[in-house]
Each structure stands twice: as C-alpha cells, then as structure tokens.
Amino acid sequence: MLKRLTNLHRTAVCVLWLITSTTQAVVLRDDRQVEVILAKPPQRIVSLLPSLTETVCALGQCQKLVGVDRYSNWPDSLDQLPRMGGGIDPNIESVVALKPDLVLMATSARGAERFQALGLNVMALEPRSHADVQRVMRIVALALDVPVQESDRVWHHIDAAVSAAAQSMPPQAKGQRVYFEVSRAPYGASESSFIGETLQRLGARNVLPASLGPFPKINPEFVVRAQPDIIMVGDSNFADMTTRPGWQNMQAMRTQRVCTFKPAESDVLVRAGPRMAEAARLMAKCLTGKAPGNTRKQP
C-alpha cells in the first residue's frame, strides 16, 4: 500500500486554476508534459483510446462523447456514435467536423500536433499501471469538472474489487507461473505491466521479468524455456501458438492448462481502465480453474 501511495504521489496531478473577470479556466498537464488549457468544462468530447473512453463513462460523462475510435465498445451506448479511426490512423477530417472542445488520445497515437494546429484541445494520456489508472481518472475528472471525490470513489471501488478477487483465490491456485500473451508476434505482458500487477496481486508469478519492459516482443523459445504453469491468451491468437516450434510439447499445452479468452473478454483484460476489476475476476477464474488438482474446465 505504501508503495502505491508513493507512486501516486510521484505522479500527482498537476493542476492550476486561472481566474479571469468572466470565467474560470483549468490548466492540466498531460502525459506529454504539455499544458492543456480548458476555458470551460468540455461538452463535446472525441476519445481515440478505449481506456479513456471507458474512463469518461465511468465518471458519468458518457453523454458528452460525440465520437470514438473504432475499438471503443463499452458501454453499449457507444454503438450509436461515429467512429474516428484508430490511434495510428485517426480520421482527422472527421474529428474536426464534429467540432469537439476536447480530444482524448494516447501519447503513442498520431495526429496530436495536427489537431492542435487546427485549433482543437488535445489531451494525451496513456495509463500503463494501476497507479496510472487512478492518476488518469483524476485528470479526466478535473478536465470534465467532475469532483475529485467522485473520481476517487470510482477508483476505490475498482481497487477494492481487485482485492476481493485476490482474496477469493484458494491457496492451491497461488504461486502458479503465468505467461500472458497480449497479441501475436508475440507480445507478452511482463511483471511491470498493469496486467502483471494484477497477476501479482492475485498471487501468480509472471515468467516475463519487469526488465523486459511492460509489453515486450519476445522470442517464442523464451516461453518454451520458461515452461509456464498456465498460459493466458485470446482465443484468436491461440491457433498461432500450436505452430510455434516446441510449443506443443510444453507441459501447459499438453495438459491443457491454457485459458483462452473470447474477444470481449480480451478487450477487458488488455485495457488499463475502469474494468480492471472485471479483468482480475477473469484471471482469478482462470488461475483457480487450472490450479493443481482442479479438474474444472477452463473458463
């Protein structure tokens, strides 16, 4: 707990209020260390990162979204909104046509400078850890004029639910060595990723060390040598695993200690945002179902 509080202190929200004779503006520093000046709370928001879209909605501000990226799919009310492309290929013309007063996007996304040159307010945020999720939620709350107490309430609910998932784990399910594959190539989730943090809180051990970076591209032979007890992967990527040299002979593969997740579940698992508690429950269900001596089928 002390470590989490220290990390939060280090990544504290930078906010400055500017008072003029007619209005009150807020200045927020985003993850590019760029100051974003909002003369008034935005009413028309375009979000180009699913985790930020979900954060806006978790704060009760979903009605202010006027456009989202092609991957934002929660909550269901987003189905009615126009799609603005993705992080690497945002449809700049379509975004500008919506006349948003705030564009939310990842620091790794393209188009921020172009949007700014066209007069749009851009806030680039990219949560990569549990502490980041809380920090980003606070920044978004401040930008949308949502009381910080509400942001903290939402975060505490998420954090408590992750802890509850950890407490539900039976002793035999803890200590298992896990390989979590994020996408083909393959890319895995290491100890330093938010996924790795969740696994650690559930009592699992990650075969990918933090020294590799949060989501490293790995040599498939690395996993063969590591011999994880359990493999977690999206079902769309599982077929590719069986063709990798040596993988069919790994004990986890031979004993079917592989948890495959449907696309909707994979979306939950790989997004650092409000649904991390649901992700923790999915992982806990997998770890419990594949624990030694447990013959229950994988979720």
Protein backbone atom coordinates (compact mmCIF):
# COMPACT_ATOMS: atom_id res chain seq x y z
CA MET A 1 0.00 0.00 0.00
CA LEU A 2 2.82 2.42 0.89
CA LYS A 3 4.45 1.75 -2.48
CA ARG A 4 1.19 2.53 -4.32
CA LEU A 5 0.75 5.74 -2.37
CA THR A 6 4.35 6.74 -3.13
CA ASN A 7 3.85 6.10 -6.83
CA LEU A 8 0.66 8.13 -6.78
CA HIS A 9 2.49 10.98 -5.06
CA ARG A 10 5.18 10.95 -7.73
CA THR A 11 2.58 11.09 -10.49
CA ALA A 12 0.36 13.63 -8.78
CA VAL A 13 -1.96 15.59 -10.99
CA CYS A 14 -0.62 18.97 -11.95
CA VAL A 15 -3.50 21.45 -12.00
CA LEU A 16 -3.62 25.21 -11.99
CA TRP A 17 -6.72 27.35 -11.84
CA LEU A 18 -6.71 30.64 -13.74
CA ILE A 19 -9.27 33.20 -12.62
CA THR A 20 -10.38 35.93 -15.01
CA SER A 21 -13.09 38.54 -14.68
CA THR A 22 -15.64 36.42 -16.55
CA THR A 23 -14.68 32.76 -16.33
CA GLN A 24 -12.55 30.15 -14.65
CA ALA A 25 -10.11 28.10 -16.70
CA VAL A 26 -8.25 24.96 -15.75
CA VAL A 27 -4.75 24.08 -16.91
CA LEU A 28 -3.83 20.38 -16.83
CA ARG A 29 -0.55 18.76 -17.72
CA ASP A 30 -0.96 15.61 -19.83
CA ASP A 31 1.42 12.68 -20.25
CA ARG A 32 3.41 14.58 -22.89
CA GLN A 33 4.09 17.16 -20.17
CA VAL A 34 2.09 19.60 -22.29
CA GLU A 35 -0.19 22.09 -20.55
CA VAL A 36 -3.76 21.90 -21.81
CA ILE A 37 -5.86 24.99 -21.13
CA LEU A 38 -9.62 24.47 -20.86
CA ALA A 39 -11.56 27.73 -20.66
CA LYS A 40 -14.65 25.81 -19.57
CA PRO A 41 -15.64 22.17 -19.00
CA PRO A 42 -15.81 20.43 -22.40
CA GLN A 43 -19.25 19.42 -23.65
CA ARG A 44 -18.20 17.70 -26.91
CA ILE A 45 -15.51 15.05 -26.49
CA VAL A 46 -13.83 12.77 -29.00
CA SER A 47 -11.94 9.85 -27.45
CA LEU A 48 -9.41 7.90 -29.50
CA LEU A 49 -8.35 5.37 -26.85
CA PRO A 50 -10.74 2.76 -25.42
CA SER A 51 -9.47 3.03 -21.85
CA LEU A 52 -10.04 6.80 -21.91
CA THR A 53 -13.49 6.31 -23.43
CA GLU A 54 -14.35 3.93 -20.61
CA THR A 55 -12.94 6.35 -18.04
CA VAL A 56 -15.19 9.16 -19.31
CA CYS A 57 -18.21 6.86 -18.99
CA ALA A 58 -17.18 5.53 -15.57
CA LEU A 59 -17.20 9.15 -14.38
CA GLY A 60 -20.80 9.51 -15.57
CA GLN A 61 -19.94 11.70 -18.56
CA CYS A 62 -20.68 9.31 -21.45
CA GLN A 63 -23.29 11.70 -22.85
CA LYS A 64 -20.54 14.20 -23.70
CA LEU A 65 -18.85 11.83 -26.16
CA VAL A 66 -19.59 12.74 -29.77
CA GLY A 67 -17.11 10.37 -31.46
CA VAL A 68 -14.82 7.48 -30.52
CA ASP A 69 -12.15 5.27 -32.07
CA ARG A 70 -13.08 2.04 -33.83
CA TYR A 71 -12.09 -0.11 -30.83
CA SER A 72 -14.15 1.60 -28.13
CA ASN A 73 -17.04 -0.79 -27.49
CA TRP A 74 -18.07 -0.33 -23.86
CA PRO A 75 -20.64 0.61 -22.71
CA ASP A 76 -23.19 -0.40 -25.33
CA SER A 77 -24.43 3.16 -25.71
CA LEU A 78 -21.30 3.90 -27.75
CA ASP A 79 -22.73 1.87 -30.62
CA GLN A 80 -24.60 4.97 -31.78
CA LEU A 81 -21.50 7.16 -32.05
CA PRO A 82 -19.47 7.79 -35.22
CA ARG A 83 -16.09 6.08 -35.49
CA MET A 84 -12.99 8.22 -35.93
CA GLY A 85 -10.42 5.59 -36.93
CA GLY A 86 -7.72 4.36 -34.56
CA GLY A 87 -4.71 5.65 -32.72
CA ILE A 88 -2.34 5.10 -35.64
CA ASP A 89 -4.81 6.25 -38.29
CA PRO A 90 -7.22 8.80 -36.83
CA ASN A 91 -9.60 10.35 -39.34
CA ILE A 92 -8.55 13.94 -38.75
CA GLU A 93 -11.15 15.47 -41.06
CA SER A 94 -13.99 13.58 -39.36
CA VAL A 95 -12.79 14.56 -35.90
CA VAL A 96 -12.55 18.24 -36.85
CA ALA A 97 -16.03 18.11 -38.42
CA LEU A 98 -17.51 17.11 -35.06
CA LYS A 99 -16.21 20.37 -33.53
CA PRO A 100 -15.07 18.81 -30.26
CA ASP A 101 -13.84 21.01 -27.44
CA LEU A 102 -11.58 18.19 -26.23
CA VAL A 103 -9.83 15.29 -27.97
CA LEU A 104 -8.57 12.49 -25.72
CA MET A 105 -5.88 10.23 -27.15
CA ALA A 106 -2.85 8.10 -26.28
CA THR A 107 0.63 9.57 -26.13
CA SER A 108 1.64 6.99 -28.74
CA ALA A 109 -1.18 7.97 -31.12
CA ARG A 110 -0.70 10.05 -34.24
CA GLY A 111 -2.29 13.36 -35.09
CA ALA A 112 -1.99 15.35 -31.84
CA GLU A 113 0.05 18.16 -33.41
CA ARG A 114 -2.27 18.29 -36.39
CA PHE A 115 -5.33 18.55 -34.17
CA GLN A 116 -3.69 21.33 -32.18
CA ALA A 117 -2.73 23.20 -35.36
CA LEU A 118 -6.41 23.11 -36.31
CA GLY A 119 -7.36 24.73 -33.02
CA LEU A 120 -8.52 21.69 -31.03
CA ASN A 121 -7.72 21.00 -27.39
CA VAL A 122 -5.81 17.72 -27.17
CA MET A 123 -5.08 15.78 -24.00
CA ALA A 124 -2.76 12.79 -24.42
CA LEU A 125 -2.95 10.26 -21.58
CA GLU A 126 -1.84 6.65 -21.53
CA PRO A 127 -2.28 4.65 -18.32
CA ARG A 128 0.27 1.83 -18.01
CA SER A 129 -0.08 0.83 -14.35
CA HIS A 130 -2.68 0.65 -11.60
CA ALA A 131 -1.41 3.96 -10.19
CA ASP A 132 -1.67 5.45 -13.67
CA VAL A 133 -5.32 4.44 -13.92
CA GLN A 134 -6.09 6.35 -10.73
CA ARG A 135 -3.99 9.33 -11.83
CA VAL A 136 -5.53 9.50 -15.31
CA MET A 137 -9.01 9.16 -13.86
CA ARG A 138 -8.33 12.19 -11.69
CA ILE A 139 -7.03 14.23 -14.61
CA VAL A 140 -10.06 13.38 -16.75
CA ALA A 141 -12.34 14.22 -13.83
CA LEU A 142 -10.70 17.62 -13.43
CA ALA A 143 -10.96 18.26 -17.16
CA LEU A 144 -14.68 17.43 -17.15
CA ASP A 145 -15.45 19.33 -13.94
CA VAL A 146 -16.27 16.13 -12.07
CA PRO A 147 -15.48 16.36 -8.34
CA VAL A 148 -12.25 14.60 -7.45
CA GLN A 149 -14.15 12.87 -4.66
CA GLU A 150 -16.23 11.13 -7.34
CA SER A 151 -13.10 10.09 -9.22
CA ASP A 152 -11.62 8.71 -6.00
CA ARG A 153 -14.86 6.88 -5.23
CA VAL A 154 -14.80 5.16 -8.63
CA TRP A 155 -11.14 4.22 -8.20
CA HIS A 156 -11.61 2.85 -4.68
CA HIS A 157 -14.47 0.69 -5.95
CA ILE A 158 -12.18 -0.72 -8.68
CA ASP A 159 -9.27 -1.28 -6.30
CA ALA A 160 -11.48 -2.94 -3.69
CA ALA A 161 -12.93 -5.29 -6.32
CA VAL A 162 -9.42 -6.31 -7.44
CA SER A 163 -8.56 -7.03 -3.81
CA ALA A 164 -11.76 -9.07 -3.46
CA ALA A 165 -10.76 -11.14 -6.49
CA ALA A 166 -7.38 -11.77 -4.86
CA GLN A 167 -9.00 -12.80 -1.58
CA SER A 168 -11.20 -15.29 -3.43
CA MET A 169 -8.17 -17.27 -4.60
CA PRO A 170 -7.75 -20.67 -2.92
CA PRO A 171 -4.24 -21.46 -1.62
CA GLN A 172 -3.55 -24.07 -4.31
CA ALA A 173 -4.21 -21.51 -7.04
CA LYS A 174 -1.49 -19.15 -5.85
CA GLY A 175 2.16 -19.23 -6.87
CA GLN A 176 1.48 -20.52 -10.39
CA ARG A 177 3.82 -19.28 -13.10
CA VAL A 178 1.92 -17.49 -15.87
CA TYR A 179 2.62 -16.43 -19.42
CA PHE A 180 0.10 -13.83 -20.59
CA GLU A 181 0.10 -13.14 -24.35
CA VAL A 182 -1.26 -9.76 -25.38
CA SER A 183 -1.05 -10.12 -29.15
CA ARG A 184 0.61 -12.02 -31.94
CA ALA A 185 4.27 -11.52 -32.88
CA PRO A 186 4.20 -12.47 -29.95
CA TYR A 187 3.92 -9.68 -27.38
CA GLY A 188 3.56 -10.61 -23.73
CA ALA A 189 2.63 -8.79 -20.53
CA SER A 190 5.55 -8.60 -18.12
CA GLU A 191 5.71 -8.02 -14.37
CA SER A 192 5.89 -4.25 -14.94
CA SER A 193 2.64 -4.02 -16.94
CA PHE A 194 -0.74 -3.31 -15.36
CA ILE A 195 -1.66 -6.89 -16.30
CA GLY A 196 1.44 -8.09 -14.46
CA GLU A 197 0.44 -6.01 -11.44
CA THR A 198 -2.96 -7.68 -11.37
CA LEU A 199 -1.42 -11.14 -11.65
CA GLN A 200 0.91 -10.32 -8.77
CA ARG A 201 -1.98 -9.16 -6.62
CA LEU A 202 -3.71 -12.48 -7.37
CA GLY A 203 -0.66 -14.34 -6.10
CA ALA A 204 0.59 -15.51 -9.50
CA ARG A 205 4.17 -15.36 -10.76
CA ASN A 206 4.96 -13.91 -14.17
CA VAL A 207 7.51 -15.67 -16.39
CA LEU A 208 8.31 -12.36 -18.13
CA PRO A 209 10.51 -10.18 -15.87
CA ALA A 210 9.99 -6.45 -15.49
CA SER A 211 13.40 -5.85 -17.08
CA LEU A 212 11.92 -6.70 -20.49
CA GLY A 213 9.57 -3.69 -20.35
CA PRO A 214 5.78 -3.74 -19.87
CA PHE A 215 4.76 -5.40 -23.15
CA PRO A 216 7.87 -6.89 -24.78
CA LYS A 217 8.05 -8.63 -28.11
CA ILE A 218 9.56 -11.96 -27.19
CA ASN A 219 11.27 -14.89 -28.82
CA PRO A 220 8.84 -17.85 -28.62
CA GLU A 221 11.77 -20.00 -27.44
CA PHE A 222 11.91 -17.85 -24.29
CA VAL A 223 8.49 -19.16 -23.24
CA VAL A 224 9.47 -22.75 -24.04
CA ARG A 225 12.49 -22.40 -21.75
CA ALA A 226 10.41 -20.69 -19.07
CA GLN A 227 7.85 -23.54 -19.01
CA PRO A 228 4.92 -21.59 -17.51
CA ASP A 229 2.34 -23.49 -15.48
CA ILE A 230 -0.52 -21.60 -17.15
CA ILE A 231 -0.88 -19.73 -20.43
CA MET A 232 -3.43 -16.95 -20.85
CA VAL A 233 -4.29 -15.84 -24.38
CA GLY A 234 -7.10 -14.52 -26.54
CA ASP A 235 -8.80 -17.30 -28.49
CA SER A 236 -8.00 -15.54 -31.77
CA ASN A 237 -4.26 -15.95 -31.02
CA PHE A 238 -4.36 -19.50 -29.67
CA ALA A 239 -4.25 -21.27 -33.05
CA ASP A 240 -0.99 -19.49 -33.85
CA MET A 241 0.59 -20.90 -30.70
CA THR A 242 0.28 -24.50 -31.82
CA THR A 243 2.51 -23.86 -34.85
CA ARG A 244 5.44 -22.43 -32.86
CA PRO A 245 8.44 -24.76 -32.56
CA GLY A 246 8.40 -26.64 -29.28
CA TRP A 247 5.13 -25.22 -28.01
CA GLN A 248 3.02 -28.33 -28.48
CA ASN A 249 5.43 -30.17 -26.19
CA MET A 250 5.22 -27.62 -23.37
CA GLN A 251 3.55 -29.14 -20.33
CA ALA A 252 0.99 -26.32 -20.12
CA MET A 253 -0.10 -27.08 -23.69
CA ARG A 254 -0.06 -30.87 -23.28
CA THR A 255 -2.08 -30.77 -20.05
CA GLN A 256 -4.47 -28.12 -21.42
CA ARG A 257 -3.57 -25.59 -18.77
CA VAL A 258 -4.33 -22.81 -21.23
CA CYS A 259 -7.04 -20.20 -20.67
CA THR A 260 -8.38 -18.76 -23.91
CA PHE A 261 -10.50 -15.64 -23.75
CA LYS A 262 -13.24 -14.53 -26.09
CA PRO A 263 -12.75 -11.17 -27.89
CA ALA A 264 -14.98 -9.28 -25.44
CA GLU A 265 -13.03 -10.75 -22.52
CA SER A 266 -9.70 -9.94 -24.17
CA ASP A 267 -10.83 -6.31 -24.51
CA VAL A 268 -11.42 -6.19 -20.77
CA LEU A 269 -8.07 -7.79 -19.96
CA VAL A 270 -5.83 -5.56 -22.07
CA ARG A 271 -7.30 -2.15 -21.17
CA ALA A 272 -5.88 -0.19 -18.26
CA GLY A 273 -9.09 1.42 -17.15
CA PRO A 274 -12.29 1.13 -15.13
CA ARG A 275 -12.86 -2.55 -15.96
CA MET A 276 -9.65 -3.78 -14.31
CA ALA A 277 -11.73 -5.38 -11.57
CA GLU A 278 -13.55 -7.47 -14.16
CA ALA A 279 -10.16 -8.38 -15.64
CA ALA A 280 -8.98 -9.51 -12.20
CA ARG A 281 -12.02 -11.75 -11.85
CA LEU A 282 -11.35 -13.33 -15.25
CA MET A 283 -7.73 -14.03 -14.31
CA ALA A 284 -8.72 -15.36 -10.88
CA LYS A 285 -11.24 -17.71 -12.50
CA CYS A 286 -8.54 -18.98 -14.85
CA LEU A 287 -5.96 -19.48 -12.09
CA THR A 288 -8.47 -21.28 -9.89
CA GLY A 289 -9.79 -23.47 -12.67
CA LYS A 290 -6.29 -24.54 -13.72
CA ALA A 291 -4.87 -24.96 -10.24
CA PRO A 292 -3.16 -28.29 -9.42
CA GLY A 293 -5.74 -30.92 -8.55
CA ASN A 294 -8.61 -28.91 -10.00
CA THR A 295 -10.16 -30.65 -12.98
CA ARG A 296 -12.77 -27.98 -13.63
CA LYS A 297 -12.81 -26.84 -17.24
CA GLN A 298 -11.13 -23.55 -18.14
CA PRO A 299 -13.48 -20.55 -18.29
